[in-house]
Protein backbone atom coordinates (compact mmCIF):
# COMPACT_ATOMS: atom_id res chain seq x y z
CA MET A 1 -37.21 -13.20 -21.48
CA ALA A 2 -33.65 -14.35 -22.22
CA SER A 3 -31.08 -13.71 -19.52
CA ILE A 4 -27.92 -11.92 -20.49
CA SER A 5 -24.74 -13.70 -19.47
CA LEU A 6 -22.35 -11.36 -17.70
CA MET A 7 -18.60 -11.51 -17.94
CA PRO A 8 -16.88 -12.27 -14.61
CA ILE A 9 -15.61 -8.69 -14.35
CA GLU A 10 -19.16 -7.38 -14.84
CA THR A 11 -20.35 -9.62 -12.01
CA LEU A 12 -17.46 -8.30 -9.90
CA GLU A 13 -18.50 -4.74 -10.76
CA ARG A 14 -22.08 -5.40 -9.61
CA SER A 15 -20.92 -7.01 -6.36
CA LEU A 16 -18.64 -4.06 -5.58
CA LYS A 17 -21.36 -1.51 -6.35
CA GLU A 18 -23.69 -3.35 -3.95
CA ARG A 19 -21.01 -3.56 -1.23
CA PHE A 20 -19.82 0.05 -1.68
CA PRO A 21 -22.75 2.17 -2.93
CA ASP A 22 -20.77 5.39 -2.29
CA ALA A 23 -17.79 4.30 -4.38
CA GLN A 24 -17.07 5.65 -7.84
CA VAL A 25 -16.99 2.61 -10.13
CA ALA A 26 -16.13 2.71 -13.83
CA LEU A 27 -15.86 -0.28 -16.16
CA ASP A 28 -13.88 0.13 -19.39
CA ARG A 29 -14.74 -2.52 -21.96
CA PRO A 30 -12.19 -3.56 -24.60
CA ARG A 31 -12.64 -2.74 -28.27
CA LYS A 32 -11.95 -6.36 -29.20
CA ALA A 33 -13.48 -9.37 -27.45
CA SER A 34 -9.97 -10.64 -26.66
CA GLY A 35 -8.88 -7.33 -25.12
CA ALA A 36 -8.44 -6.30 -21.50
CA TRP A 37 -11.25 -4.96 -19.33
CA PHE A 38 -10.46 -2.38 -16.65
CA LEU A 39 -12.51 -1.74 -13.53
CA ASP A 40 -11.65 1.41 -11.56
CA ILE A 41 -13.00 1.72 -8.02
CA VAL A 42 -12.47 4.77 -5.82
CA LEU A 43 -13.78 4.88 -2.25
CA ASN A 44 -12.96 7.87 -0.05
CA GLN A 45 -10.22 8.90 -2.52
CA HIS A 46 -8.61 5.43 -2.28
CA PRO A 47 -8.21 3.85 -5.75
CA VAL A 48 -8.16 0.19 -6.79
CA ILE A 49 -7.75 -0.91 -10.40
CA VAL A 50 -8.74 -4.36 -11.67
CA GLN A 51 -7.66 -5.76 -15.03
CA TRP A 52 -9.24 -8.85 -16.60
CA GLN A 53 -9.14 -10.66 -19.93
CA GLN A 54 -11.26 -13.60 -21.00
CA GLY A 55 -9.38 -16.81 -20.21
CA LYS A 56 -6.99 -15.00 -17.86
CA GLU A 57 -6.85 -14.16 -14.17
CA PHE A 58 -7.78 -10.94 -12.34
CA GLY A 59 -5.01 -8.37 -11.87
CA VAL A 60 -5.38 -6.02 -8.90
CA SER A 61 -3.41 -2.83 -8.25
CA SER A 62 -3.70 0.04 -5.80
CA SER A 63 -1.14 2.81 -5.56
CA PRO A 64 -0.99 6.32 -4.10
CA GLU A 65 0.56 7.42 -7.41
CA LYS A 66 -1.31 7.47 -10.71
CA VAL A 67 0.58 4.78 -12.61
CA PHE A 68 -0.34 3.57 -16.08
CA GLY A 69 1.04 0.64 -18.04
CA GLU A 70 2.81 -0.96 -15.09
CA GLY A 71 0.71 -4.13 -15.06
CA ALA A 72 -1.05 -5.66 -12.10
CA ASP A 73 0.71 -5.85 -8.73
CA GLU A 74 -1.23 -8.92 -7.64
CA VAL A 75 -3.01 -11.69 -9.57
CA TYR A 76 -6.05 -13.72 -8.45
CA LYS A 77 -7.40 -16.87 -10.09
CA ASP A 78 -11.08 -16.11 -9.67
CA GLU A 79 -13.64 -13.41 -9.05
CA GLU A 80 -14.19 -14.43 -5.41
CA ALA A 81 -10.50 -14.10 -4.51
CA ALA A 82 -10.21 -10.78 -6.35
CA TYR A 83 -13.36 -9.49 -4.63
CA GLY A 84 -11.97 -10.35 -1.19
CA ARG A 85 -8.70 -8.54 -1.89
CA ILE A 86 -10.42 -5.47 -3.35
CA VAL A 87 -12.71 -5.19 -0.32
CA SER A 88 -9.67 -5.52 1.96
CA LEU A 89 -7.77 -2.79 0.09
CA LEU A 90 -10.74 -0.40 0.13
CA LEU A 91 -11.59 -0.92 3.80
CA SER A 92 -7.99 -0.80 5.06
CA ARG A 93 -6.99 1.98 2.64
CA THR A 94 -3.76 0.10 1.90
CA PHE A 95 -1.88 -0.27 -1.35
CA THR A 96 -0.63 -3.22 -3.36
CA SER A 97 2.59 -1.44 -4.18
CA PRO A 98 4.67 0.66 -1.85
CA PRO A 99 4.81 4.42 -2.32
CA PRO A 100 8.02 5.90 -3.74
CA ALA A 101 11.10 5.54 -1.55
CA VAL A 102 12.33 8.58 0.38
CA SER A 103 15.49 9.17 2.37
CA LEU A 104 15.33 9.75 6.12
CA LYS A 105 16.28 13.37 5.50
CA GLU A 106 13.37 13.79 3.05
CA LEU A 107 11.02 12.11 5.53
CA ARG A 108 12.13 14.48 8.29
CA LYS A 109 11.75 17.55 6.06
CA GLU A 110 8.31 16.43 4.80
CA ASN A 111 7.23 16.46 8.44
CA GLY A 112 8.69 19.91 9.10
CA LEU A 113 11.31 18.77 11.60
CA SER A 114 14.97 19.71 11.99
CA GLN A 115 17.76 17.35 12.97
CA ALA A 116 17.90 19.14 16.33
CA GLU A 117 14.19 18.45 16.93
CA ILE A 118 14.60 14.76 16.04
CA ALA A 119 17.63 14.61 18.35
CA GLU A 120 15.61 16.10 21.20
CA ILE A 121 12.76 13.63 20.69
CA LEU A 122 15.19 10.68 20.56
CA GLU A 123 17.32 12.01 23.41
CA ARG A 124 20.44 12.00 21.20
CA GLN A 125 22.89 14.55 19.86
CA GLN A 126 22.14 16.36 16.59
CA GLY A 127 25.35 14.93 15.09
CA GLU A 128 24.06 11.39 15.66
CA ILE A 129 20.92 12.21 13.69
CA SER A 130 23.06 13.54 10.84
CA LYS A 131 25.04 10.27 10.81
CA ILE A 132 21.87 8.16 10.87
CA GLU A 133 20.50 10.08 7.87
CA ARG A 134 23.72 9.50 5.88
CA ARG A 135 24.15 5.79 6.70
CA LYS A 136 23.47 3.06 4.20
CA ASP A 137 23.08 0.46 6.96
CA VAL A 138 20.90 1.28 9.98
CA LEU A 139 19.71 -0.95 12.81
CA VAL A 140 16.00 -1.70 12.54
CA SER A 141 15.49 -0.44 16.12
CA THR A 142 17.21 2.87 15.27
CA LEU A 143 15.13 3.22 12.13
CA ALA A 144 11.92 2.44 14.08
CA ASP A 145 12.78 5.12 16.67
CA TYR A 146 13.53 7.66 13.93
CA VAL A 147 10.22 6.93 12.18
CA ARG A 148 8.30 7.26 15.48
CA ALA A 149 10.04 10.62 16.01
CA VAL A 150 8.46 11.88 12.77
CA ASP A 151 5.14 10.53 14.07
CA GLY A 152 5.14 7.41 11.90
CA GLU A 153 5.18 3.65 12.27
CA LEU A 154 7.88 1.48 10.70
CA GLN A 155 6.56 -1.50 8.76
CA ILE A 156 8.81 -3.94 6.98
CA ILE A 157 7.17 -5.28 3.84
CA VAL A 158 8.49 -8.22 1.81
CA ARG A 159 7.43 -8.77 -1.81
CA LEU A 160 8.08 -12.40 -2.73
CA ARG A 161 8.82 -13.56 -6.26
CA ASP A 162 5.46 -15.32 -6.53
CA GLY A 163 3.69 -11.98 -5.97
CA ARG A 164 2.75 -12.48 -2.34
CA ILE A 165 3.32 -9.53 -0.07
CA ARG A 166 4.03 -10.09 3.61
CA ARG A 167 4.60 -7.73 6.54
CA VAL A 168 7.45 -8.82 8.81
CA GLN A 169 6.79 -8.69 12.55
CA LEU A 170 9.97 -8.65 14.63
CA GLU A 171 8.77 -10.20 17.88
CA ASP A 172 11.57 -9.02 20.13
CA ALA A 173 11.96 -5.53 18.66
CA VAL A 174 9.47 -3.88 21.03
CA GLU A 175 10.51 -5.84 24.13
CA SER A 176 14.27 -5.39 23.79
CA ASN A 177 14.22 -1.74 22.77
CA PRO A 178 12.06 0.41 25.05
CA ARG A 179 11.02 3.72 23.55
CA PRO A 180 12.64 6.91 24.83
CA ALA A 181 10.31 8.80 27.17
CA ALA A 182 9.89 11.60 24.61
CA LEU A 183 8.40 9.11 22.12
CA ALA A 184 5.72 7.95 24.56
CA ARG A 185 3.70 11.12 23.76
């Protein structure tokens, strides 16, 4: 019996189905042999899209928004590297691209809080919160406190020109800026 040679993206599909049997996995083949293949994986409502063309690298994208035609957010040379990143994205439920930007005011309102409530949590005056929301330049420590007040965590993400994405860890931020007692919930 002759063995059928699988394309690298088909091998990737099989590996992911084995690793995540509960995931929804769909492979879209191109109409032409030179066209792009698309592999959609959804695990616990967390989507990852893989694009591949013969002779090209693997493109990987994951976004909270349904985005079409944007191209891959990250590129991997081989199936093994793409597989590792896809597994990481599915298990951590993280995205390759950041969600849409929102203002501090929008963030506060999305969480059902008033400026007065934020002020109380941060042990500040309501007017200070209004100023923080209108500023174009805010101290990272102030921003981190504000985000914690809406029950979030501030993360600073850097997207480098070569496609790498890094999270910045400010070593002295926690030590030099103790949290107000109200934030220690």
